[in-house]
Amino acid sequence: MLAQFERHFPELAPMIRFHELATPVTQHRYVRAPAGAIYSIERSTDQLVGQALRVRTPVPDLLLAGQNSFGPGVPGAFDSGLCAAAGVEPSLSQLLLSAQS
């Protein structure tokens, strides 16, 4: 939309300032996050000590990866992806462990 505006009104384009933001209401509206939580499913301290969703599931060959399956946010999504990859190809476990040192 801004590109179209710039094409039609090039002299006004430098005066435009664009800011995009999100509030808890935005989060709830678009991703149905409880109470507008930024990390989707509700988080609690219990999840940090063993009650979080796991990469492995009771369903054979079904692995979970993403911010809701291991930990919140980008680090949780990244770590769960690594664990899921190692679950598919066990030899990756050693590679991943050696990369951390």
C-alpha atoms as a PDB file:
ATOM      1  CA  MET A   1       0.000   0.000   0.000  1.00  0.00           C
ATOM      2  CA  LEU A   2       2.844   2.382   0.807  1.00  0.00           C
ATOM      3  CA  ALA A   3       4.523   1.560  -2.508  1.00  0.00           C
ATOM      4  CA  GLN A   4       1.360   2.540  -4.369  1.00  0.00           C
ATOM      5  CA  PHE A   5       1.144   5.754  -2.385  1.00  0.00           C
ATOM      6  CA  GLU A   6       4.772   6.561  -3.250  1.00  0.00           C
ATOM      7  CA  ARG A   7       4.107   5.971  -6.953  1.00  0.00           C
ATOM      8  CA  HIS A   8       1.166   8.373  -6.966  1.00  0.00           C
ATOM      9  CA  PHE A   9       2.549  10.974  -4.545  1.00  0.00           C
ATOM     10  CA  PRO A  10       6.360  10.829  -4.731  1.00  0.00           C
ATOM     11  CA  GLU A  11       6.779  14.290  -3.195  1.00  0.00           C
ATOM     12  CA  LEU A  12       4.852  13.218  -0.084  1.00  0.00           C
ATOM     13  CA  ALA A  13       6.598   9.868   0.369  1.00  0.00           C
ATOM     14  CA  PRO A  14       9.468  11.267   2.511  1.00  0.00           C
ATOM     15  CA  MET A  15       6.887  12.620   4.955  1.00  0.00           C
ATOM     16  CA  ILE A  16       5.371   9.217   5.662  1.00  0.00           C
ATOM     17  CA  ARG A  17       6.408   7.417   8.811  1.00  0.00           C
ATOM     18  CA  PHE A  18       5.212   3.856   9.166  1.00  0.00           C
ATOM     19  CA  HIS A  19       5.125   1.990  12.454  1.00  0.00           C
ATOM     20  CA  GLU A  20       3.697  -1.442  13.017  1.00  0.00           C
ATOM     21  CA  LEU A  21       2.958  -2.683  16.489  1.00  0.00           C
ATOM     22  CA  ALA A  22       1.060  -5.375  18.272  1.00  0.00           C
ATOM     23  CA  THR A  23      -0.673  -5.450  21.620  1.00  0.00           C
ATOM     24  CA  PRO A  24      -1.952  -8.363  23.692  1.00  0.00           C
ATOM     25  CA  VAL A  25      -5.309  -7.815  21.973  1.00  0.00           C
ATOM     26  CA  THR A  26      -3.569  -8.247  18.590  1.00  0.00           C
ATOM     27  CA  GLN A  27      -1.954 -11.491  19.744  1.00  0.00           C
ATOM     28  CA  HIS A  28      -5.265 -12.832  20.969  1.00  0.00           C
ATOM     29  CA  ARG A  29      -7.049 -11.834  17.775  1.00  0.00           C
ATOM     30  CA  TYR A  30      -4.575 -13.289  15.283  1.00  0.00           C
ATOM     31  CA  VAL A  31      -3.127 -16.337  17.048  1.00  0.00           C
ATOM     32  CA  ARG A  32      -5.745 -16.916  19.759  1.00  0.00           C
ATOM     33  CA  ALA A  33      -3.031 -16.689  22.394  1.00  0.00           C
ATOM     34  CA  PRO A  34      -4.576 -16.879  25.871  1.00  0.00           C
ATOM     35  CA  ALA A  35      -4.947 -13.391  27.333  1.00  0.00           C
ATOM     36  CA  GLY A  36      -2.740 -12.085  24.526  1.00  0.00           C
ATOM     37  CA  ALA A  37       0.351 -14.015  25.633  1.00  0.00           C
ATOM     38  CA  ILE A  38       3.224 -13.445  23.214  1.00  0.00           C
ATOM     39  CA  TYR A  39       4.273 -17.096  23.246  1.00  0.00           C
ATOM     40  CA  SER A  40       0.944 -18.686  22.333  1.00  0.00           C
ATOM     41  CA  ILE A  41       0.039 -21.387  24.860  1.00  0.00           C
ATOM     42  CA  GLU A  42      -0.073 -20.373  28.491  1.00  0.00           C
ATOM     43  CA  ARG A  43       3.255 -20.815  30.251  1.00  0.00           C
ATOM     44  CA  SER A  44       3.853 -21.808  33.843  1.00  0.00           C
ATOM     45  CA  THR A  45       6.821 -22.722  36.012  1.00  0.00           C
ATOM     46  CA  ASP A  46       5.604 -26.343  35.981  1.00  0.00           C
ATOM     47  CA  GLN A  47       6.547 -26.531  32.313  1.00  0.00           C
ATOM     48  CA  LEU A  48      10.156 -25.724  33.135  1.00  0.00           C
ATOM     49  CA  VAL A  49      10.522 -28.755  35.384  1.00  0.00           C
ATOM     50  CA  GLY A  50       9.091 -31.581  33.358  1.00  0.00           C
ATOM     51  CA  GLN A  51       5.512 -30.780  32.366  1.00  0.00           C
ATOM     52  CA  ALA A  52       6.245 -29.090  29.024  1.00  0.00           C
ATOM     53  CA  LEU A  53       5.222 -30.675  25.760  1.00  0.00           C
ATOM     54  CA  ARG A  54       7.889 -33.043  24.520  1.00  0.00           C
ATOM     55  CA  VAL A  55       9.372 -33.554  21.081  1.00  0.00           C
ATOM     56  CA  ARG A  56       8.524 -37.272  21.172  1.00  0.00           C
ATOM     57  CA  THR A  57       4.870 -38.232  21.289  1.00  0.00           C
ATOM     58  CA  PRO A  58       3.060 -41.500  22.054  1.00  0.00           C
ATOM     59  CA  VAL A  59       2.245 -41.704  18.330  1.00  0.00           C
ATOM     60  CA  PRO A  60       4.985 -43.630  16.499  1.00  0.00           C
ATOM     61  CA  ASP A  61       7.114 -41.433  14.217  1.00  0.00           C
ATOM     62  CA  LEU A  62       5.290 -38.240  15.239  1.00  0.00           C
ATOM     63  CA  LEU A  63       7.639 -35.570  16.587  1.00  0.00           C
ATOM     64  CA  LEU A  64       6.716 -32.060  17.665  1.00  0.00           C
ATOM     65  CA  ALA A  65       8.780 -28.972  16.949  1.00  0.00           C
ATOM     66  CA  GLY A  66       8.011 -25.320  17.515  1.00  0.00           C
ATOM     67  CA  GLN A  67       7.669 -22.737  20.239  1.00  0.00           C
ATOM     68  CA  ASN A  68       4.943 -24.685  22.009  1.00  0.00           C
ATOM     69  CA  SER A  69       6.669 -28.042  22.075  1.00  0.00           C
ATOM     70  CA  PHE A  70       9.887 -27.392  23.975  1.00  0.00           C
ATOM     71  CA  GLY A  71      10.156 -23.878  25.278  1.00  0.00           C
ATOM     72  CA  PRO A  72       8.891 -20.408  24.485  1.00  0.00           C
ATOM     73  CA  GLY A  73       9.948 -18.204  21.613  1.00  0.00           C
ATOM     74  CA  VAL A  74      12.692 -18.541  19.050  1.00  0.00           C
ATOM     75  CA  PRO A  75      15.143 -20.407  21.333  1.00  0.00           C
ATOM     76  CA  GLY A  76      12.477 -22.973  22.218  1.00  0.00           C
ATOM     77  CA  ALA A  77      11.491 -23.432  18.580  1.00  0.00           C
ATOM     78  CA  PHE A  78      15.134 -23.775  17.547  1.00  0.00           C
ATOM     79  CA  ASP A  79      15.972 -26.273  20.297  1.00  0.00           C
ATOM     80  CA  SER A  80      12.895 -28.373  19.592  1.00  0.00           C
ATOM     81  CA  GLY A  81      13.810 -28.452  15.900  1.00  0.00           C
ATOM     82  CA  LEU A  82      17.289 -29.712  16.769  1.00  0.00           C
ATOM     83  CA  CYS A  83      15.848 -32.368  19.074  1.00  0.00           C
ATOM     84  CA  ALA A  84      13.322 -33.455  16.449  1.00  0.00           C
ATOM     85  CA  ALA A  85      16.086 -33.688  13.830  1.00  0.00           C
ATOM     86  CA  ALA A  86      18.166 -35.794  16.219  1.00  0.00           C
ATOM     87  CA  GLY A  87      15.091 -37.959  16.831  1.00  0.00           C
ATOM     88  CA  VAL A  88      14.849 -38.665  13.111  1.00  0.00           C
ATOM     89  CA  GLU A  89      18.596 -39.121  12.611  1.00  0.00           C
ATOM     90  CA  PRO A  90      20.244 -40.251  15.876  1.00  0.00           C
ATOM     91  CA  SER A  91      23.764 -39.592  14.565  1.00  0.00           C
ATOM     92  CA  LEU A  92      22.937 -35.882  14.726  1.00  0.00           C
ATOM     93  CA  SER A  93      22.930 -36.056  18.531  1.00  0.00           C
ATOM     94  CA  GLN A  94      26.714 -36.334  18.698  1.00  0.00           C
ATOM     95  CA  LEU A  95      27.135 -33.621  16.089  1.00  0.00           C
ATOM     96  CA  LEU A  96      24.836 -31.287  18.025  1.00  0.00           C
ATOM     97  CA  LEU A  97      26.577 -31.993  21.319  1.00  0.00           C
ATOM     98  CA  SER A  98      30.024 -31.375  19.830  1.00  0.00           C
ATOM     99  CA  ALA A  99      28.837 -28.083  18.296  1.00  0.00           C
ATOM    100  CA  GLN A 100      27.922 -26.781  21.752  1.00  0.00           C
ATOM    101  CA  SER A 101      31.451 -27.107  23.097  1.00  0.00           C
END
